[in-house]
C-alpha cells in the first residue's frame, strides 16, 4: 500500500533536472485509452470487436495543495501562462514513476481568510508517457 501523502509531482527545470513544486494534499492520476470499434457484418454473433493498440491514450494528473516556495509558484505559473509543454514526473513510492510531456490545462488559486493560499492544477499529457516500476 502506498500512502497518498507520499505521491510527488516534479517538473523539469532545465539544468537542475527535475524539482518538486508543491506539497500536495490531494491528487489524482487518470490513464485512459479510447477504443477503436472494428465490428462488421461478419463479426461472430455480432459481438463488438476492438482493434488492439489503435486507440488514443492520454494521462491526466490533478493535484491541489500548497507550493513549496515562491520560486515553485512562479515556475508553474509561468509555464501555464506560456502555454508551454514541459516534462513532468509523478513519483509513486514503492510503485513507480510516470514521466512525460504535459501541459497545464487548469490552474486555480484559492484562500481562506485565516488560512494559507492553496492551488489546484490539472496536467494533460502532450506526448508519449512512460512508466518505470520502482526497484
Protein backbone atom coordinates (compact mmCIF):
# COMPACT_ATOMS: atom_id res chain seq x y z
CA UNK A 1 0.00 0.00 0.00
CA UNK A 2 1.23 3.48 -0.90
CA UNK A 3 0.42 6.48 1.32
CA UNK A 4 -1.31 9.23 -0.68
CA UNK A 5 0.75 11.90 1.05
CA UNK A 6 3.95 10.42 -0.41
CA UNK A 7 2.98 10.89 -4.07
CA UNK A 8 5.28 13.51 -5.56
CA UNK A 9 4.87 15.77 -8.61
CA UNK A 10 8.03 17.19 -10.14
CA UNK A 11 8.70 19.45 -13.16
CA UNK A 12 11.78 19.58 -15.37
CA UNK A 13 13.51 22.88 -14.73
CA UNK A 14 16.42 22.77 -17.15
CA UNK A 15 20.00 22.17 -15.99
CA UNK A 16 18.99 21.06 -12.49
CA UNK A 17 16.84 18.20 -13.79
CA UNK A 18 13.51 17.73 -12.04
CA UNK A 19 12.34 19.50 -8.92
CA UNK A 20 9.36 19.12 -6.63
CA UNK A 21 6.99 22.05 -6.93
CA UNK A 22 4.36 21.57 -4.25
CA UNK A 23 3.16 19.87 -1.12
CA UNK A 24 0.02 18.20 -2.41
CA UNK A 25 -2.90 17.44 -0.13
CA UNK A 26 -4.91 15.59 -2.76
CA UNK A 27 -4.04 14.22 -6.16
CA UNK A 28 -5.44 12.00 -8.86
CA UNK A 29 -3.90 10.26 -11.85
CA UNK A 30 -6.14 9.08 -14.69
CA UNK A 31 -4.88 6.94 -17.57
CA UNK A 32 -7.31 6.49 -20.46
CA UNK A 33 -7.36 4.77 -23.84
CA UNK A 34 -10.05 5.23 -26.47
CA UNK A 35 -11.27 2.03 -28.07
CA UNK A 36 -11.46 1.65 -31.87
CA UNK A 37 -14.52 -0.36 -32.83
CA UNK A 38 -13.95 -2.58 -35.90
CA UNK A 39 -17.18 -4.60 -35.67
CA UNK A 40 -18.57 -5.59 -39.07
CA UNK A 41 -21.41 -7.67 -40.53
CA UNK A 42 -19.40 -10.90 -40.24
CA UNK A 43 -18.37 -10.40 -36.60
CA UNK A 44 -19.05 -13.59 -34.63
CA UNK A 45 -22.50 -13.32 -33.08
CA UNK A 46 -22.46 -9.58 -33.87
CA UNK A 47 -20.26 -9.08 -30.83
CA UNK A 48 -18.22 -5.91 -30.79
CA UNK A 49 -14.61 -6.25 -31.91
CA UNK A 50 -11.86 -3.81 -30.94
CA UNK A 51 -8.60 -3.08 -32.73
CA UNK A 52 -5.74 -3.71 -30.31
CA UNK A 53 -3.33 -0.83 -29.73
CA UNK A 54 -5.15 1.60 -32.05
CA UNK A 55 -6.88 3.94 -29.60
CA UNK A 56 -5.65 7.32 -28.46
CA UNK A 57 -4.07 7.15 -25.00
CA UNK A 58 -3.89 10.03 -22.55
CA UNK A 59 -2.92 10.76 -18.99
CA UNK A 60 -4.36 13.42 -16.74
CA UNK A 61 -2.99 14.48 -13.36
CA UNK A 62 -4.84 16.73 -10.93
CA UNK A 63 -3.47 17.93 -7.61
CA UNK A 64 -4.14 20.54 -5.00
CA UNK A 65 -2.06 21.84 -2.15
CA UNK A 66 0.47 24.48 -1.23
CA UNK A 67 3.50 25.48 -3.29
CA UNK A 68 6.88 24.67 -1.70
CA UNK A 69 8.14 28.21 -2.16
CA UNK A 70 7.72 31.37 -4.23
CA UNK A 71 10.10 30.06 -6.92
CA UNK A 72 7.97 26.92 -7.46
CA UNK A 73 4.82 29.03 -7.67
CA UNK A 74 6.49 31.36 -10.20
CA UNK A 75 7.75 28.45 -12.33
CA UNK A 76 4.36 26.72 -12.55
CA UNK A 77 2.55 30.00 -13.18
CA UNK A 78 4.98 30.94 -15.97
CA UNK A 79 4.66 27.52 -17.60
CA UNK A 80 0.86 27.96 -17.53
CA UNK A 81 0.85 31.49 -18.99
CA UNK A 82 3.35 30.47 -21.68
CA UNK A 83 1.15 27.51 -22.63
CA UNK A 84 4.39 25.53 -22.51
CA UNK A 85 4.73 21.77 -22.61
CA UNK A 86 7.28 20.54 -20.08
CA UNK A 87 8.41 17.15 -18.86
CA UNK A 88 6.86 16.14 -15.55
CA UNK A 89 7.37 13.19 -13.22
CA UNK A 90 4.73 11.69 -10.99
CA UNK A 91 6.56 9.59 -8.40
CA UNK A 92 4.55 6.95 -6.54
CA UNK A 93 6.81 5.47 -3.84
CA UNK A 94 7.12 1.66 -3.88
CA UNK A 95 5.18 1.59 -7.16
CA UNK A 96 6.98 3.56 -9.86
CA UNK A 97 7.33 6.79 -11.82
CA UNK A 98 5.17 8.15 -14.63
CA UNK A 99 7.08 10.59 -16.82
CA UNK A 100 6.33 12.53 -19.95
CA UNK A 101 5.42 15.85 -21.53
CA UNK A 102 2.39 17.57 -20.03
CA UNK A 103 0.65 20.91 -20.43
CA UNK A 104 -1.06 22.67 -17.54
CA UNK A 105 -4.70 22.85 -18.62
CA UNK A 106 -6.01 24.36 -15.40
CA UNK A 107 -4.52 26.43 -12.58
CA UNK A 108 -6.67 27.75 -9.75
CA UNK A 109 -5.78 29.65 -6.59
CA UNK A 110 -7.95 29.95 -3.50
CA UNK A 111 -7.58 31.19 0.02
CA UNK A 112 -9.47 31.37 3.27
CA UNK A 113 -9.45 34.45 5.45
CA UNK A 114 -7.40 32.72 8.16
CA UNK A 115 -5.55 30.13 6.09
CA UNK A 116 -2.84 29.65 3.51
CA UNK A 117 -3.32 30.26 -0.21
CA UNK A 118 -3.79 26.92 -1.94
CA UNK A 119 -3.82 25.93 -5.61
CA UNK A 120 -5.22 23.25 -7.86
CA UNK A 121 -3.56 22.29 -11.14
CA UNK A 122 -4.52 19.89 -13.92
CA UNK A 123 -1.89 18.45 -16.26
CA UNK A 124 -2.80 16.81 -19.58
CA UNK A 125 -0.36 14.57 -21.45
CA UNK A 126 1.07 16.04 -24.63
CA UNK A 127 3.05 13.10 -25.98
CA UNK A 128 4.30 9.64 -25.04
CA UNK A 129 4.15 8.87 -21.33
CA UNK A 130 6.34 6.17 -19.78
CA UNK A 131 6.12 4.13 -16.60
CA UNK A 132 9.15 2.81 -14.73
CA UNK A 133 8.48 0.39 -11.88
CA UNK A 134 10.16 1.10 -8.54
CA UNK A 135 13.13 -1.12 -7.82
